[in-house]
Amino acid sequence: MNIAKVYGVELSAAQVKALLGGKSTSYTSKGKKTIVRPEIVENPYNGKVYYQWKTERGK
């Protein structure tokens, strides 16, 4: 798991530090806000299990 990337978007050092400290962070990509939660989710794909930050779309 690359802790500094979410769906191909590179998070800043301050954002990664906030996530590791248990706080949510967000970023905007293509005009849409994505909230990144400090929780890890498993994503099984093609017989492998990938780990990523939990995300949700902002309004």
N, C-alpha and C. Protein backbone atom coordinates (compact mmCIF):
# COMPACT_ATOMS: atom_id res chain seq x y z
N MET A 1 0.85 -1.18 0.00
CA MET A 1 0.00 0.00 0.00
C MET A 1 0.89 1.23 0.00
N ASN A 2 0.66 2.10 -0.95
CA ASN A 2 1.35 3.38 -0.98
C ASN A 2 0.49 4.37 -0.20
N ILE A 3 0.93 4.74 0.99
CA ILE A 3 0.08 5.58 1.85
C ILE A 3 -0.07 7.00 1.34
N ALA A 4 0.74 7.40 0.36
CA ALA A 4 0.68 8.77 -0.13
C ALA A 4 -0.18 8.92 -1.38
N LYS A 5 -0.81 7.84 -1.86
CA LYS A 5 -1.64 7.93 -3.06
C LYS A 5 -3.05 7.43 -2.80
N VAL A 6 -4.02 8.13 -3.37
CA VAL A 6 -5.42 7.72 -3.33
C VAL A 6 -5.96 7.87 -4.74
N TYR A 7 -6.31 6.76 -5.37
CA TYR A 7 -6.82 6.76 -6.75
C TYR A 7 -5.91 7.55 -7.69
N GLY A 8 -4.61 7.38 -7.54
CA GLY A 8 -3.64 8.02 -8.43
C GLY A 8 -3.30 9.45 -8.07
N VAL A 9 -3.94 10.01 -7.06
CA VAL A 9 -3.67 11.38 -6.63
C VAL A 9 -2.66 11.34 -5.49
N GLU A 10 -1.57 12.08 -5.64
CA GLU A 10 -0.52 12.12 -4.63
C GLU A 10 -0.95 13.07 -3.50
N LEU A 11 -0.99 12.56 -2.28
CA LEU A 11 -1.33 13.39 -1.13
C LEU A 11 -0.09 14.13 -0.64
N SER A 12 -0.29 15.30 -0.07
CA SER A 12 0.84 16.07 0.48
C SER A 12 1.29 15.45 1.79
N ALA A 13 2.46 15.84 2.24
CA ALA A 13 3.00 15.33 3.50
C ALA A 13 2.09 15.67 4.67
N ALA A 14 1.49 16.86 4.65
CA ALA A 14 0.59 17.27 5.72
C ALA A 14 -0.68 16.41 5.73
N GLN A 15 -1.19 16.06 4.55
CA GLN A 15 -2.38 15.22 4.46
C GLN A 15 -2.10 13.81 4.98
N VAL A 16 -0.95 13.24 4.62
CA VAL A 16 -0.58 11.91 5.10
C VAL A 16 -0.40 11.92 6.61
N LYS A 17 0.23 12.98 7.12
CA LYS A 17 0.43 13.10 8.57
C LYS A 17 -0.91 13.16 9.30
N ALA A 18 -1.87 13.89 8.74
CA ALA A 18 -3.20 13.98 9.35
C ALA A 18 -3.88 12.62 9.36
N LEU A 19 -3.79 11.87 8.26
CA LEU A 19 -4.40 10.54 8.19
C LEU A 19 -3.78 9.60 9.21
N LEU A 20 -2.46 9.62 9.30
CA LEU A 20 -1.78 8.76 10.26
C LEU A 20 -2.07 9.18 11.70
N GLY A 21 -2.45 10.45 11.89
CA GLY A 21 -2.82 10.95 13.20
C GLY A 21 -4.29 10.73 13.53
N GLY A 22 -5.04 10.09 12.63
CA GLY A 22 -6.43 9.77 12.89
C GLY A 22 -7.43 10.81 12.46
N LYS A 23 -7.02 11.78 11.62
CA LYS A 23 -7.94 12.82 11.17
C LYS A 23 -8.21 12.68 9.67
N SER A 24 -9.41 13.05 9.26
CA SER A 24 -9.77 13.00 7.84
C SER A 24 -9.11 14.14 7.08
N THR A 25 -8.96 13.96 5.78
CA THR A 25 -8.45 15.00 4.92
C THR A 25 -9.23 14.94 3.61
N SER A 26 -9.03 15.88 2.72
CA SER A 26 -9.76 15.86 1.45
C SER A 26 -8.89 16.45 0.35
N TYR A 27 -9.30 16.16 -0.88
CA TYR A 27 -8.66 16.76 -2.04
C TYR A 27 -9.71 16.93 -3.13
N THR A 28 -9.42 17.80 -4.10
CA THR A 28 -10.32 18.03 -5.22
C THR A 28 -9.63 17.58 -6.49
N SER A 29 -10.34 16.77 -7.28
CA SER A 29 -9.81 16.29 -8.55
C SER A 29 -10.93 16.35 -9.58
N LYS A 30 -10.66 16.98 -10.70
CA LYS A 30 -11.64 17.12 -11.78
C LYS A 30 -12.93 17.76 -11.29
N GLY A 31 -12.80 18.72 -10.38
CA GLY A 31 -13.96 19.45 -9.88
C GLY A 31 -14.78 18.75 -8.83
N LYS A 32 -14.34 17.56 -8.39
CA LYS A 32 -15.09 16.81 -7.38
C LYS A 32 -14.24 16.65 -6.13
N LYS A 33 -14.87 16.88 -4.98
CA LYS A 33 -14.18 16.76 -3.71
C LYS A 33 -14.26 15.33 -3.21
N THR A 34 -13.13 14.78 -2.78
CA THR A 34 -13.08 13.44 -2.21
C THR A 34 -12.57 13.54 -0.78
N ILE A 35 -13.31 12.97 0.15
CA ILE A 35 -12.91 12.96 1.55
C ILE A 35 -12.22 11.63 1.83
N VAL A 36 -11.04 11.70 2.43
CA VAL A 36 -10.26 10.51 2.75
C VAL A 36 -10.33 10.29 4.25
N ARG A 37 -10.84 9.14 4.65
CA ARG A 37 -10.99 8.79 6.07
C ARG A 37 -9.76 8.04 6.56
N PRO A 38 -9.42 8.16 7.83
CA PRO A 38 -8.24 7.46 8.37
C PRO A 38 -8.54 6.00 8.70
N GLU A 39 -9.16 5.29 7.76
CA GLU A 39 -9.48 3.87 7.92
C GLU A 39 -8.95 3.12 6.70
N ILE A 40 -8.53 1.89 6.90
CA ILE A 40 -8.02 1.06 5.82
C ILE A 40 -9.10 0.07 5.41
N VAL A 41 -9.31 -0.08 4.10
CA VAL A 41 -10.26 -1.06 3.59
C VAL A 41 -9.53 -2.04 2.67
N GLU A 42 -10.02 -3.28 2.64
CA GLU A 42 -9.47 -4.30 1.76
C GLU A 42 -10.23 -4.26 0.44
N ASN A 43 -9.51 -4.38 -0.66
CA ASN A 43 -10.12 -4.38 -1.98
C ASN A 43 -9.63 -5.60 -2.75
N PRO A 44 -10.37 -6.73 -2.71
CA PRO A 44 -9.95 -7.91 -3.47
C PRO A 44 -10.13 -7.69 -4.97
N TYR A 45 -9.08 -7.97 -5.74
CA TYR A 45 -9.13 -7.76 -7.18
C TYR A 45 -8.20 -8.75 -7.87
N ASN A 46 -8.72 -9.51 -8.81
CA ASN A 46 -7.95 -10.50 -9.57
C ASN A 46 -7.16 -11.45 -8.68
N GLY A 47 -7.78 -11.93 -7.64
CA GLY A 47 -7.13 -12.91 -6.77
C GLY A 47 -6.13 -12.33 -5.79
N LYS A 48 -5.97 -11.02 -5.79
CA LYS A 48 -5.06 -10.36 -4.85
C LYS A 48 -5.88 -9.44 -3.95
N VAL A 49 -5.33 -9.10 -2.81
CA VAL A 49 -6.00 -8.18 -1.90
C VAL A 49 -5.17 -6.90 -1.82
N TYR A 50 -5.79 -5.79 -2.15
CA TYR A 50 -5.14 -4.49 -2.09
C TYR A 50 -5.72 -3.72 -0.91
N TYR A 51 -4.91 -2.87 -0.31
CA TYR A 51 -5.34 -2.06 0.82
C TYR A 51 -5.30 -0.60 0.41
N GLN A 52 -6.31 0.15 0.84
CA GLN A 52 -6.38 1.57 0.50
C GLN A 52 -7.12 2.33 1.59
N TRP A 53 -6.99 3.65 1.55
CA TRP A 53 -7.72 4.49 2.49
C TRP A 53 -9.20 4.46 2.13
N LYS A 54 -10.06 4.56 3.13
CA LYS A 54 -11.51 4.64 2.89
C LYS A 54 -11.82 6.04 2.40
N THR A 55 -12.64 6.14 1.34
CA THR A 55 -12.97 7.44 0.77
C THR A 55 -14.48 7.59 0.62
N GLU A 56 -14.90 8.83 0.49
CA GLU A 56 -16.30 9.13 0.17
C GLU A 56 -16.33 10.43 -0.62
N ARG A 57 -17.33 10.57 -1.45
CA ARG A 57 -17.47 11.77 -2.27
C ARG A 57 -18.11 12.88 -1.46
N GLY A 58 -17.53 14.06 -1.55
CA GLY A 58 -18.13 15.23 -0.91
C GLY A 58 -19.23 15.79 -1.78
N LYS A 59 -19.91 16.79 -1.29
CA LYS A 59 -21.02 17.37 -2.06
C LYS A 59 -20.61 18.68 -2.67
